[in-house]
C-alpha atoms as a PDB file:
ATOM      1  CA  MET A   1      60.030-202.471  21.872  1.00  0.00           C
ATOM      2  CA  LEU A   2      56.995-202.129  19.610  1.00  0.00           C
ATOM      3  CA  ASN A   3      55.588-205.378  20.996  1.00  0.00           C
ATOM      4  CA  GLU A   4      55.867-203.996  24.545  1.00  0.00           C
ATOM      5  CA  ILE A   5      54.041-200.785  23.572  1.00  0.00           C
ATOM      6  CA  ALA A   6      51.345-202.774  21.792  1.00  0.00           C
ATOM      7  CA  GLY A   7      50.939-204.944  24.919  1.00  0.00           C
ATOM      8  CA  ILE A   8      50.551-201.850  27.100  1.00  0.00           C
ATOM      9  CA  PHE A   9      47.887-200.432  24.754  1.00  0.00           C
ATOM     10  CA  ARG A  10      46.040-203.783  24.779  1.00  0.00           C
ATOM     11  CA  ARG A  11      46.014-203.763  28.582  1.00  0.00           C
ATOM     12  CA  ILE A  12      44.781-200.164  28.644  1.00  0.00           C
ATOM     13  CA  ALA A  13      42.043-201.040  26.141  1.00  0.00           C
ATOM     14  CA  MET A  14      40.989-204.057  28.242  1.00  0.00           C
ATOM     15  CA  VAL A  15      40.836-201.941  31.424  1.00  0.00           C
ATOM     16  CA  ALA A  16      38.822-199.266  29.595  1.00  0.00           C
ATOM     17  CA  MET A  17      36.375-201.868  28.253  1.00  0.00           C
ATOM     18  CA  PHE A  18      36.000-203.412  31.726  1.00  0.00           C
ATOM     19  CA  ALA A  19      35.331-199.973  33.237  1.00  0.00           C
ATOM     20  CA  MET A  20      32.779-199.171  30.522  1.00  0.00           C
ATOM     21  CA  PHE A  21      30.878-202.440  31.047  1.00  0.00           C
ATOM     22  CA  SER A  22      31.009-201.985  34.839  1.00  0.00           C
ATOM     23  CA  VAL A  23      29.440-198.527  34.524  1.00  0.00           C
ATOM     24  CA  LEU A  24      26.827-199.922  32.136  1.00  0.00           C
ATOM     25  CA  HIS A  25      26.034-202.734  34.588  1.00  0.00           C
ATOM     26  CA  ILE A  26      25.684-200.271  37.501  1.00  0.00           C
ATOM     27  CA  GLY A  27      23.383-198.116  35.381  1.00  0.00           C
ATOM     28  CA  LEU A  28      21.192-201.114  34.554  1.00  0.00           C
ATOM     29  CA  ALA A  29      21.048-202.141  38.211  1.00  0.00           C
ATOM     30  CA  GLU A  30      19.762-198.655  39.082  1.00  0.00           C
ATOM     31  CA  ALA A  31      16.807-199.053  36.737  1.00  0.00           C
ATOM     32  CA  GLY A  32      13.446-199.490  38.451  1.00  0.00           C
ATOM     33  CA  SER A  33      13.249-203.084  39.616  1.00  0.00           C
ATOM     34  CA  GLY A  34       9.655-202.914  40.815  1.00  0.00           C
ATOM     35  CA  ASN A  35       6.592-200.938  41.828  1.00  0.00           C
ATOM     36  CA  ILE A  36       4.892-200.075  45.104  1.00  0.00           C
ATOM     37  CA  SER A  37       1.476-198.791  46.118  1.00  0.00           C
ATOM     38  CA  LEU A  38       1.161-197.585  49.709  1.00  0.00           C
ATOM     39  CA  GLU A  39      -1.712-196.459  51.944  1.00  0.00           C
ATOM     40  CA  LEU A  40      -0.496-194.858  55.167  1.00  0.00           C
ATOM     41  CA  ASN A  41      -2.220-193.265  58.171  1.00  0.00           C
ATOM     42  CA  TYR A  42      -0.569-191.108  60.838  1.00  0.00           C
ATOM     43  CA  ILE A  43      -1.532-189.857  64.265  1.00  0.00           C
ATOM     44  CA  GLY A  44       0.806-188.097  66.623  1.00  0.00           C
ATOM     45  CA  PHE A  45       1.312-185.776  69.547  1.00  0.00           C
ATOM     46  CA  GLY A  46       5.047-185.537  70.233  1.00  0.00           C
ATOM     47  CA  LEU A  47       5.654-189.112  69.147  1.00  0.00           C
ATOM     48  CA  GLY A  48       3.764-190.093  66.009  1.00  0.00           C
ATOM     49  CA  TYR A  49       2.719-193.491  64.786  1.00  0.00           C
ATOM     50  CA  HIS A  50       2.287-194.634  61.154  1.00  0.00           C
ATOM     51  CA  THR A  51       0.223-197.640  60.127  1.00  0.00           C
ATOM     52  CA  GLY A  52      -0.876-198.889  56.733  1.00  0.00           C
ATOM     53  CA  THR A  53      -0.549-201.394  53.925  1.00  0.00           C
ATOM     54  CA  ALA A  54       1.563-201.753  50.798  1.00  0.00           C
ATOM     55  CA  THR A  55       1.592-203.923  47.701  1.00  0.00           C
ATOM     56  CA  VAL A  56       4.997-204.423  46.078  1.00  0.00           C
ATOM     57  CA  THR A  57       5.828-205.949  42.693  1.00  0.00           C
ATOM     58  CA  VAL A  58       9.370-207.064  41.831  1.00  0.00           C
ATOM     59  CA  GLY A  59       9.803-208.873  38.527  1.00  0.00           C
ATOM     60  CA  ASN A  60       6.858-211.260  38.253  1.00  0.00           C
ATOM     61  CA  GLU A  61       6.275-211.525  42.024  1.00  0.00           C
ATOM     62  CA  VAL A  62       3.740-209.559  44.088  1.00  0.00           C
ATOM     63  CA  ALA A  63       3.423-209.428  47.879  1.00  0.00           C
ATOM     64  CA  ASP A  64       1.357-207.499  50.425  1.00  0.00           C
ATOM     65  CA  TYR A  65       2.904-205.821  53.458  1.00  0.00           C
ATOM     66  CA  LYS A  66       1.795-204.394  56.766  1.00  0.00           C
ATOM     67  CA  VAL A  67       3.537-201.054  57.269  1.00  0.00           C
ATOM     68  CA  SER A  68       4.147-199.491  60.678  1.00  0.00           C
ATOM     69  CA  GLY A  69       6.527-196.965  62.108  1.00  0.00           C
ATOM     70  CA  THR A  70       7.267-194.011  64.324  1.00  0.00           C
ATOM     71  CA  GLN A  71       8.147-190.380  63.869  1.00  0.00           C
ATOM     72  CA  LEU A  72       9.590-188.002  66.433  1.00  0.00           C
ATOM     73  CA  MET A  73       8.382-184.480  67.117  1.00  0.00           C
ATOM     74  CA  GLY A  74       5.117-184.571  65.208  1.00  0.00           C
ATOM     75  CA  ILE A  75       1.575-183.482  65.872  1.00  0.00           C
ATOM     76  CA  GLY A  76      -1.545-184.130  63.843  1.00  0.00           C
ATOM     77  CA  PHE A  77      -3.369-186.779  61.872  1.00  0.00           C
ATOM     78  CA  SER A  78      -3.230-187.628  58.193  1.00  0.00           C
ATOM     79  CA  SER A  79      -3.621-190.312  55.585  1.00  0.00           C
ATOM     80  CA  PHE A  80      -2.292-190.655  52.074  1.00  0.00           C
ATOM     81  CA  VAL A  81      -2.183-193.023  49.136  1.00  0.00           C
ATOM     82  CA  ALA A  82       1.079-193.126  47.167  1.00  0.00           C
ATOM     83  CA  SER A  83       2.673-195.104  44.374  1.00  0.00           C
ATOM     84  CA  GLY A  84       6.152-195.306  42.958  1.00  0.00           C
ATOM     85  CA  THR A  85       9.167-197.404  42.100  1.00  0.00           C
ATOM     86  CA  VAL A  86      11.361-199.828  44.003  1.00  0.00           C
ATOM     87  CA  VAL A  87      15.043-199.689  43.009  1.00  0.00           C
ATOM     88  CA  GLY A  88      17.743-202.198  43.865  1.00  0.00           C
ATOM     89  CA  ALA A  89      15.639-205.256  44.736  1.00  0.00           C
ATOM     90  CA  ALA A  90      16.493-208.426  42.841  1.00  0.00           C
ATOM     91  CA  SER A  91      13.701-210.400  44.544  1.00  0.00           C
ATOM     92  CA  ILE A  92      10.492-209.752  46.459  1.00  0.00           C
ATOM     93  CA  ASP A  93      12.173-211.454  49.435  1.00  0.00           C
ATOM     94  CA  GLU A  94      14.486-208.438  49.841  1.00  0.00           C
ATOM     95  CA  ILE A  95      11.673-205.950  50.517  1.00  0.00           C
ATOM     96  CA  GLY A  96      10.808-206.598  54.177  1.00  0.00           C
ATOM     97  CA  GLY A  97      12.501-204.677  56.973  1.00  0.00           C
ATOM     98  CA  LYS A  98      13.103-201.141  58.205  1.00  0.00           C
ATOM     99  CA  TYR A  99      13.250-198.121  55.908  1.00  0.00           C
ATOM    100  CA  THR A 100      14.207-194.555  56.745  1.00  0.00           C
ATOM    101  CA  ALA A 101      12.968-191.463  54.975  1.00  0.00           C
ATOM    102  CA  VAL A 102      16.054-190.067  53.221  1.00  0.00           C
ATOM    103  CA  LYS A 103      14.416-187.431  51.034  1.00  0.00           C
ATOM    104  CA  GLY A 104      11.295-185.478  51.734  1.00  0.00           C
ATOM    105  CA  SER A 105       9.388-185.786  54.950  1.00  0.00           C
ATOM    106  CA  MET A 106       6.624-187.928  56.261  1.00  0.00           C
ATOM    107  CA  ALA A 107       4.831-184.684  57.093  1.00  0.00           C
ATOM    108  CA  VAL A 108       1.532-184.681  55.268  1.00  0.00           C
ATOM    109  CA  VAL A 109      -0.602-181.647  54.638  1.00  0.00           C
ATOM    110  CA  VAL A 110      -3.556-181.510  52.259  1.00  0.00           C
ATOM    111  CA  GLY A 111      -2.024-181.889  48.815  1.00  0.00           C
ATOM    112  CA  GLY A 112       0.814-183.889  47.307  1.00  0.00           C
ATOM    113  CA  VAL A 113       3.614-185.742  49.038  1.00  0.00           C
ATOM    114  CA  SER A 114       6.969-186.909  47.672  1.00  0.00           C
ATOM    115  CA  LEU A 115       9.015-189.323  49.742  1.00  0.00           C
ATOM    116  CA  THR A 116      12.097-191.523  49.316  1.00  0.00           C
ATOM    117  CA  LEU A 117      12.640-194.456  51.671  1.00  0.00           C
ATOM    118  CA  LYS A 118      15.850-196.473  51.875  1.00  0.00           C
ATOM    119  CA  ASN A 119      16.934-199.534  53.869  1.00  0.00           C
ATOM    120  CA  LEU A 120      20.384-200.750  54.930  1.00  0.00           C
ATOM    121  CA  ASN A 121      20.625-202.955  51.799  1.00  0.00           C
ATOM    122  CA  ASP A 122      20.361-199.876  49.527  1.00  0.00           C
ATOM    123  CA  ILE A 123      16.865-200.770  48.370  1.00  0.00           C
ATOM    124  CA  ARG A 124      15.114-197.491  47.626  1.00  0.00           C
ATOM    125  CA  MET A 125      11.414-196.659  47.331  1.00  0.00           C
ATOM    126  CA  ASP A 126      10.539-193.430  45.519  1.00  0.00           C
ATOM    127  CA  LEU A 127       6.928-192.516  46.309  1.00  0.00           C
ATOM    128  CA  THR A 128       4.626-189.760  45.083  1.00  0.00           C
ATOM    129  CA  SER A 129       1.102-189.000  46.228  1.00  0.00           C
ATOM    130  CA  ASN A 130      -1.522-186.594  44.974  1.00  0.00           C
ATOM    131  CA  GLN A 131      -4.131-188.086  47.290  1.00  0.00           C
ATOM    132  CA  SER A 132      -3.616-186.988  50.891  1.00  0.00           C
ATOM    133  CA  THR A 133      -5.754-185.527  53.632  1.00  0.00           C
ATOM    134  CA  GLY A 134      -5.183-184.300  57.150  1.00  0.00           C
ATOM    135  CA  PHE A 135      -2.811-182.118  59.085  1.00  0.00           C
ATOM    136  CA  ASP A 136       0.677-183.079  60.218  1.00  0.00           C
ATOM    137  CA  LEU A 137       3.443-180.841  61.515  1.00  0.00           C
ATOM    138  CA  SER A 138       6.676-182.698  62.129  1.00  0.00           C
ATOM    139  CA  ALA A 139      10.325-181.816  62.512  1.00  0.00           C
ATOM    140  CA  GLY A 140      11.940-185.199  62.103  1.00  0.00           C
ATOM    141  CA  LEU A 141      12.126-187.878  59.476  1.00  0.00           C
ATOM    142  CA  GLY A 142      10.587-191.199  60.353  1.00  0.00           C
ATOM    143  CA  GLU A 143      11.158-194.899  60.041  1.00  0.00           C
ATOM    144  CA  LEU A 144       8.798-197.480  58.539  1.00  0.00           C
ATOM    145  CA  THR A 145       8.879-201.271  58.888  1.00  0.00           C
ATOM    146  CA  PHE A 146       7.527-203.469  56.074  1.00  0.00           C
ATOM    147  CA  SER A 147       6.306-206.909  57.249  1.00  0.00           C
ATOM    148  CA  ARG A 148       5.025-209.347  54.623  1.00  0.00           C
ATOM    149  CA  VAL A 149       1.454-210.537  55.050  1.00  0.00           C
ATOM    150  CA  GLY A 150       0.574-213.794  53.288  1.00  0.00           C
ATOM    151  CA  GLY A 151       2.475-215.407  50.466  1.00  0.00           C
ATOM    152  CA  VAL A 152       4.023-214.292  47.215  1.00  0.00           C
ATOM    153  CA  ARG A 153       1.843-214.262  44.094  1.00  0.00           C
ATOM    154  CA  LYS A 154       3.121-214.684  40.545  1.00  0.00           C
ATOM    155  CA  VAL A 155       1.986-212.304  37.820  1.00  0.00           C
ATOM    156  CA  SER A 156       2.578-212.465  34.093  1.00  0.00           C
ATOM    157  CA  GLY A 157       5.012-209.902  32.692  1.00  0.00           C
ATOM    158  CA  ALA A 158       7.659-207.890  34.492  1.00  0.00           C
ATOM    159  CA  ALA A 159       7.057-204.834  36.656  1.00  0.00           C
ATOM    160  CA  THR A 160       7.367-201.486  34.936  1.00  0.00           C
ATOM    161  CA  ALA A 161       7.686-198.033  36.401  1.00  0.00           C
ATOM    162  CA  PRO A 162       4.368-196.176  36.870  1.00  0.00           C
END
């Protein structure tokens, strides 16, 4: 009887340790896996269009991207320079594709902008800008597409959050 109880406690302890390490692993995966710098311009009257460039670092790899996208129900013109972190990317090859604004807005008015972009693979870009100009009134969130331009460059050292 005591051996059975001890076996049950061992199993409970093993499950608890597994759960603890799983939570720790998820927490480490959420740590910033890279950096991004983004320059984006916008012009719109009803349907708006974004165009710009980005440089992304993941681990010891750096790549440049052309950024383009649309935004519904906007009017104005603006440009901003932002930087931030990339979360959830194990490799620079996972960066390209479509991202949707999930927090904040792509509406830019003179002053600072905070924006979170996310793709279908749960890669998240958290961007902040204190360098923006122009006028943009918009009701909807937009979508941006990142297309790699050129090859991947190696850098020494790993990416750290700004």
